[in-house]
Amino acid sequence: MRLVDAHCHLEVKDYPDVAAILDGARAAGLVHAIVVGQFHGPGDWGNALELAAAHPEFLSPTLGIHPHEAARATEADFATLEATCARPEVRAVGEAGLDYYYDHSPRDVQATVFRRQCALARKLDKPLVVHVRDAHDDCEAVLRDVGLSRGVIHCFTGDTAAARRYLDLGFFLSLSGVVTYKNAQALQEAVRFAPLDRLMVETDSPYLAPVPHRGKKNQPAHVLETARKVAELKGVTLEEVAATTTANASSLFALNLG
């Protein structure tokens, strides 16, 4: 069985011993993980690029400006983002999107920064990793308006109607540990509805640990539990979920998994 964690954050502050975390992931059946590089403030992009460079056989990076930090990005940061995302080892633009739950940045600024990253993904011919919370209507409208159809809705937590809209646009849906939670019935129905060949599994580490690890710090190894729940919901084997979601991640992110 071969699994890919389609979205994780592995900042040093959260994982002082990243090597041990990666060893645990391999032991759980993971063959690769997408490590998300995220803008923390002017000139600060975290450690995802450096970490992926140290483990190129197992980690592939992305880079983006999260909606929480949209208002802090300068023109120099956008220039850095474009130059860095143009590098071949950077597999996608993002995560980028809209977050109306926290509203850490004004919504009009979120939209502007999101559109700029959509345009960058099109310019570079790379997929877009989308963050959306309580903003499905506006997110779909932006994606449709810019004509973007290559990417993934990370940590998808919407219902069947939202799933249908993103699938119709051509996007993959990536499922986190939230799908294992008892109160996630609407999401679980959406998973039953969505074709398996349009799904991925992720951890969003260090957040959203799946049952039975809920409440603890998440790590890529735990993607196994999310895949197990997807198999239950779809009525297929864990091996089929692993094979299909790994193929989906490999296709979208142009991974060379051997």
Protein backbone atom coordinates (compact mmCIF):
# COMPACT_ATOMS: atom_id res chain seq x y z
CA MET A 1 0.00 0.00 0.00
CA ARG A 2 1.28 3.44 -1.01
CA LEU A 3 -0.15 6.70 0.34
CA VAL A 4 0.50 10.38 -0.35
CA ASP A 5 -0.25 13.12 2.16
CA ALA A 6 -1.51 15.77 -0.25
CA HIS A 7 -1.14 18.69 2.18
CA CYS A 8 0.92 19.14 5.33
CA HIS A 9 2.79 21.87 7.18
CA LEU A 10 6.05 20.77 8.79
CA GLU A 11 7.43 23.92 10.37
CA VAL A 12 10.40 23.48 12.71
CA LYS A 13 8.51 25.12 15.56
CA ASP A 14 5.94 22.33 15.41
CA TYR A 15 8.29 19.44 14.61
CA PRO A 16 11.80 19.90 16.05
CA ASP A 17 12.67 16.35 14.91
CA VAL A 18 11.29 16.23 11.36
CA ALA A 19 13.38 13.17 10.50
CA ALA A 20 11.48 11.13 13.08
CA ILE A 21 8.16 12.38 11.69
CA LEU A 22 9.15 11.32 8.19
CA ASP A 23 10.30 7.92 9.42
CA GLY A 24 6.91 7.45 11.04
CA ALA A 25 5.21 8.42 7.80
CA ARG A 26 7.16 5.85 5.82
CA ALA A 27 6.32 3.20 8.39
CA ALA A 28 2.62 3.98 7.89
CA GLY A 29 2.86 3.39 4.14
CA LEU A 30 3.48 6.91 2.85
CA VAL A 31 5.64 7.29 -0.22
CA HIS A 32 5.41 11.09 -0.53
CA ALA A 33 3.97 14.26 0.99
CA ILE A 34 3.21 17.74 -0.29
CA VAL A 35 4.73 20.20 2.16
CA VAL A 36 3.04 23.59 1.94
CA GLY A 37 5.17 26.69 2.00
CA GLN A 38 3.28 29.55 3.53
CA PHE A 39 3.84 33.29 3.76
CA HIS A 40 4.20 34.33 7.42
CA GLY A 41 4.97 38.00 6.90
CA PRO A 42 7.11 40.25 4.69
CA GLY A 43 10.14 38.26 3.61
CA ASP A 44 9.24 35.21 5.74
CA TRP A 45 8.15 32.04 3.89
CA GLY A 46 8.86 29.45 6.55
CA ASN A 47 11.02 26.39 5.99
CA ALA A 48 9.08 24.24 3.51
CA LEU A 49 11.45 24.83 0.59
CA GLU A 50 14.53 24.03 2.63
CA LEU A 51 12.91 20.96 4.15
CA ALA A 52 11.84 19.62 0.77
CA ALA A 53 15.34 20.23 -0.62
CA ALA A 54 16.73 18.11 2.21
CA HIS A 55 14.27 15.27 1.49
CA PRO A 56 13.53 15.50 -2.25
CA GLU A 57 12.67 11.81 -2.54
CA PHE A 58 9.81 12.21 -0.04
CA LEU A 59 8.72 15.87 0.02
CA SER A 60 7.60 18.25 -2.71
CA PRO A 61 6.91 21.91 -1.86
CA THR A 62 4.31 24.48 -2.78
CA LEU A 63 4.33 28.19 -2.00
CA GLY A 64 1.50 30.64 -1.49
CA ILE A 65 -0.08 33.47 0.46
CA HIS A 66 -2.84 32.28 2.78
CA PRO A 67 -5.91 34.52 3.06
CA HIS A 68 -5.14 35.11 6.74
CA GLU A 69 -1.94 36.94 5.73
CA ALA A 70 -3.19 38.53 2.51
CA ALA A 71 -3.15 42.06 3.90
CA ARG A 72 0.52 41.77 4.89
CA ALA A 73 1.91 40.85 1.48
CA THR A 74 4.03 43.48 -0.27
CA GLU A 75 4.90 43.80 -3.95
CA ALA A 76 8.33 42.43 -3.11
CA ASP A 77 6.64 39.35 -1.64
CA PHE A 78 4.61 38.84 -4.79
CA ALA A 79 7.82 39.06 -6.82
CA THR A 80 9.42 36.45 -4.59
CA LEU A 81 6.35 34.24 -4.89
CA GLU A 82 6.40 34.32 -8.68
CA ALA A 83 10.14 33.71 -8.96
CA THR A 84 10.01 30.84 -6.47
CA CYS A 85 6.92 29.16 -7.89
CA ALA A 86 8.61 29.19 -11.31
CA ARG A 87 11.25 26.80 -9.97
CA PRO A 88 10.65 23.22 -11.18
CA GLU A 89 10.70 21.66 -7.73
CA VAL A 90 7.80 23.86 -6.56
CA ARG A 91 4.78 21.79 -7.56
CA ALA A 92 1.93 24.26 -7.09
CA VAL A 93 0.88 27.77 -6.17
CA GLY A 94 -0.79 28.02 -2.78
CA GLU A 95 -2.37 27.54 -0.50
CA ALA A 96 -4.39 30.55 -1.53
CA GLY A 97 -8.04 31.38 -1.20
CA LEU A 98 -10.77 32.92 0.93
CA ASP A 99 -11.48 32.55 4.64
CA TYR A 100 -14.65 34.28 5.85
CA TYR A 101 -14.69 32.39 9.15
CA TYR A 102 -11.76 34.26 10.70
CA ASP A 103 -11.58 37.30 8.38
CA HIS A 104 -8.00 38.00 9.46
CA SER A 105 -7.64 40.06 6.27
CA PRO A 106 -10.38 42.23 4.72
CA ARG A 107 -12.46 40.27 2.25
CA ASP A 108 -11.69 42.55 -0.68
CA VAL A 109 -7.96 42.14 -0.02
CA GLN A 110 -8.37 38.37 0.26
CA ALA A 111 -10.11 38.36 -3.13
CA THR A 112 -7.42 40.46 -4.79
CA VAL A 113 -4.59 38.30 -3.47
CA PHE A 114 -6.47 35.13 -4.39
CA ARG A 115 -7.01 36.36 -7.95
CA ARG A 116 -3.34 37.25 -8.30
CA GLN A 117 -2.36 33.73 -7.30
CA CYS A 118 -4.92 32.23 -9.66
CA ALA A 119 -3.35 34.27 -12.44
CA LEU A 120 0.12 33.14 -11.39
CA ALA A 121 -0.91 29.48 -11.50
CA ARG A 122 -2.23 29.99 -15.03
CA LYS A 123 0.88 31.86 -16.11
CA LEU A 124 3.21 29.16 -14.77
CA ASP A 125 0.92 26.29 -15.86
CA LYS A 126 0.93 24.86 -12.34
CA PRO A 127 -1.94 23.68 -10.16
CA LEU A 128 -3.50 25.84 -7.47
CA VAL A 129 -3.97 24.70 -3.88
CA VAL A 130 -7.14 26.36 -2.61
CA HIS A 131 -8.11 27.19 0.98
CA VAL A 132 -11.79 28.04 1.40
CA ARG A 133 -13.83 28.42 4.57
CA ASP A 134 -17.36 29.81 4.73
CA ALA A 135 -16.80 31.31 1.27
CA HIS A 136 -17.81 28.69 -1.29
CA ASP A 137 -19.94 31.02 -3.43
CA ASP A 138 -17.23 33.65 -3.79
CA CYS A 139 -14.47 31.07 -4.21
CA GLU A 140 -16.30 29.30 -7.01
CA ALA A 141 -17.04 32.65 -8.65
CA VAL A 142 -13.36 33.63 -8.65
CA LEU A 143 -12.22 30.27 -10.03
CA ARG A 144 -14.88 30.34 -12.71
CA ASP A 145 -14.16 33.97 -13.62
CA VAL A 146 -10.42 33.40 -14.06
CA GLY A 147 -11.04 30.17 -15.95
CA LEU A 148 -8.92 28.05 -13.63
CA SER A 149 -9.65 24.33 -13.65
CA ARG A 150 -6.43 22.70 -12.47
CA GLY A 151 -6.01 22.37 -8.75
CA VAL A 152 -7.30 21.01 -5.49
CA ILE A 153 -9.67 22.23 -2.80
CA HIS A 154 -7.55 21.37 0.22
CA CYS A 155 -9.19 20.22 3.45
CA PHE A 156 -12.57 20.12 1.72
CA THR A 157 -15.31 20.31 4.33
CA GLY A 158 -18.31 21.29 2.20
CA ASP A 159 -21.51 19.46 1.42
CA THR A 160 -22.55 17.61 -1.72
CA ALA A 161 -23.66 20.79 -3.48
CA ALA A 162 -20.27 22.43 -2.91
CA ALA A 163 -18.48 19.26 -3.98
CA ARG A 164 -20.44 19.16 -7.23
CA ARG A 165 -19.56 22.76 -8.03
CA TYR A 166 -15.81 22.27 -7.57
CA LEU A 167 -15.84 18.96 -9.39
CA ASP A 168 -17.67 20.60 -12.30
CA LEU A 169 -14.86 23.16 -12.46
CA GLY A 170 -12.33 20.33 -12.77
CA PHE A 171 -10.84 20.49 -9.28
CA PHE A 172 -9.84 17.62 -7.03
CA LEU A 173 -11.12 17.47 -3.45
CA SER A 174 -8.62 16.70 -0.69
CA LEU A 175 -9.97 15.21 2.52
CA SER A 176 -8.49 15.76 5.97
CA GLY A 177 -9.12 14.16 9.34
CA VAL A 178 -12.38 16.13 9.57
CA VAL A 179 -14.05 13.37 7.54
CA THR A 180 -13.57 11.01 10.51
CA TYR A 181 -15.46 13.26 12.95
CA LYS A 182 -18.94 12.24 14.12
CA ASN A 183 -20.43 15.67 13.37
CA ALA A 184 -19.23 15.65 9.73
CA GLN A 185 -22.28 13.95 8.23
CA ALA A 186 -22.70 16.46 5.39
CA LEU A 187 -19.06 16.06 4.41
CA GLN A 188 -19.35 12.30 4.60
CA GLU A 189 -22.32 12.41 2.22
CA ALA A 190 -20.25 14.53 -0.16
CA VAL A 191 -17.48 11.90 -0.06
CA ARG A 192 -20.00 9.20 -0.94
CA PHE A 193 -21.11 11.35 -3.87
CA ALA A 194 -17.70 12.33 -5.27
CA PRO A 195 -15.90 9.93 -7.63
CA LEU A 196 -12.88 8.30 -6.04
CA ASP A 197 -10.72 9.35 -8.98
CA ARG A 198 -11.28 13.00 -7.97
CA LEU A 199 -10.29 12.62 -4.31
CA MET A 200 -7.06 12.93 -2.34
CA VAL A 201 -6.24 12.47 1.33
CA GLU A 202 -4.23 14.85 3.50
CA THR A 203 -3.44 15.65 7.11
CA ASP A 204 -3.06 19.44 7.11
CA SER A 205 -0.52 18.68 9.86
CA PRO A 206 -0.13 19.83 12.56
CA TYR A 207 -3.89 20.45 12.59
CA LEU A 208 -7.07 18.34 12.38
CA ALA A 209 -5.82 14.98 13.57
CA PRO A 210 -8.25 12.22 12.61
CA VAL A 211 -9.99 9.85 14.98
CA PRO A 212 -8.48 8.09 16.98
CA HIS A 213 -5.79 10.79 17.28
CA ARG A 214 -8.18 13.74 17.54
CA GLY A 215 -6.99 16.37 19.98
CA LYS A 216 -3.34 15.52 19.48
CA LYS A 217 -0.80 17.10 17.17
CA ASN A 218 -1.33 15.69 13.70
CA GLN A 219 1.42 14.19 11.53
CA PRO A 220 1.61 12.73 8.01
CA ALA A 221 1.45 9.12 9.26
CA HIS A 222 -2.13 9.77 10.36
CA VAL A 223 -3.32 10.15 6.76
CA LEU A 224 -3.79 6.40 6.93
CA GLU A 225 -6.82 6.91 9.21
CA THR A 226 -8.39 9.38 6.80
CA ALA A 227 -7.89 6.94 3.92
CA ARG A 228 -9.46 4.20 6.05
CA LYS A 229 -12.56 6.35 6.63
CA VAL A 230 -12.85 7.20 2.94
CA ALA A 231 -12.72 3.48 2.14
CA GLU A 232 -15.55 2.86 4.61
CA LEU A 233 -17.68 5.66 3.14
CA LYS A 234 -17.07 4.56 -0.45
CA GLY A 235 -17.54 0.87 0.26
CA VAL A 236 -14.17 -0.09 -1.23
CA THR A 237 -10.91 -1.43 0.17
CA LEU A 238 -8.29 0.68 1.85
CA GLU A 239 -5.86 -0.50 -0.81
CA GLU A 240 -8.09 0.88 -3.57
CA VAL A 241 -8.37 4.25 -1.83
CA ALA A 242 -4.60 4.37 -1.34
CA ALA A 243 -3.85 3.46 -4.95
CA THR A 244 -6.36 5.89 -6.45
CA THR A 245 -5.67 8.89 -4.23
CA THR A 246 -1.92 8.39 -4.71
CA ALA A 247 -2.39 8.29 -8.48
CA ASN A 248 -4.50 11.46 -8.27
CA ALA A 249 -1.86 13.34 -6.26
CA SER A 250 0.89 12.08 -8.55
CA SER A 251 -0.98 13.31 -11.60
CA LEU A 252 -1.89 16.76 -10.26
CA PHE A 253 1.47 17.54 -8.69
CA ALA A 254 3.58 15.81 -11.36
CA LEU A 255 5.26 13.54 -8.82
CA ASN A 256 7.83 10.93 -9.80
CA LEU A 257 7.02 8.14 -7.37
CA GLY A 258 8.95 5.39 -9.14
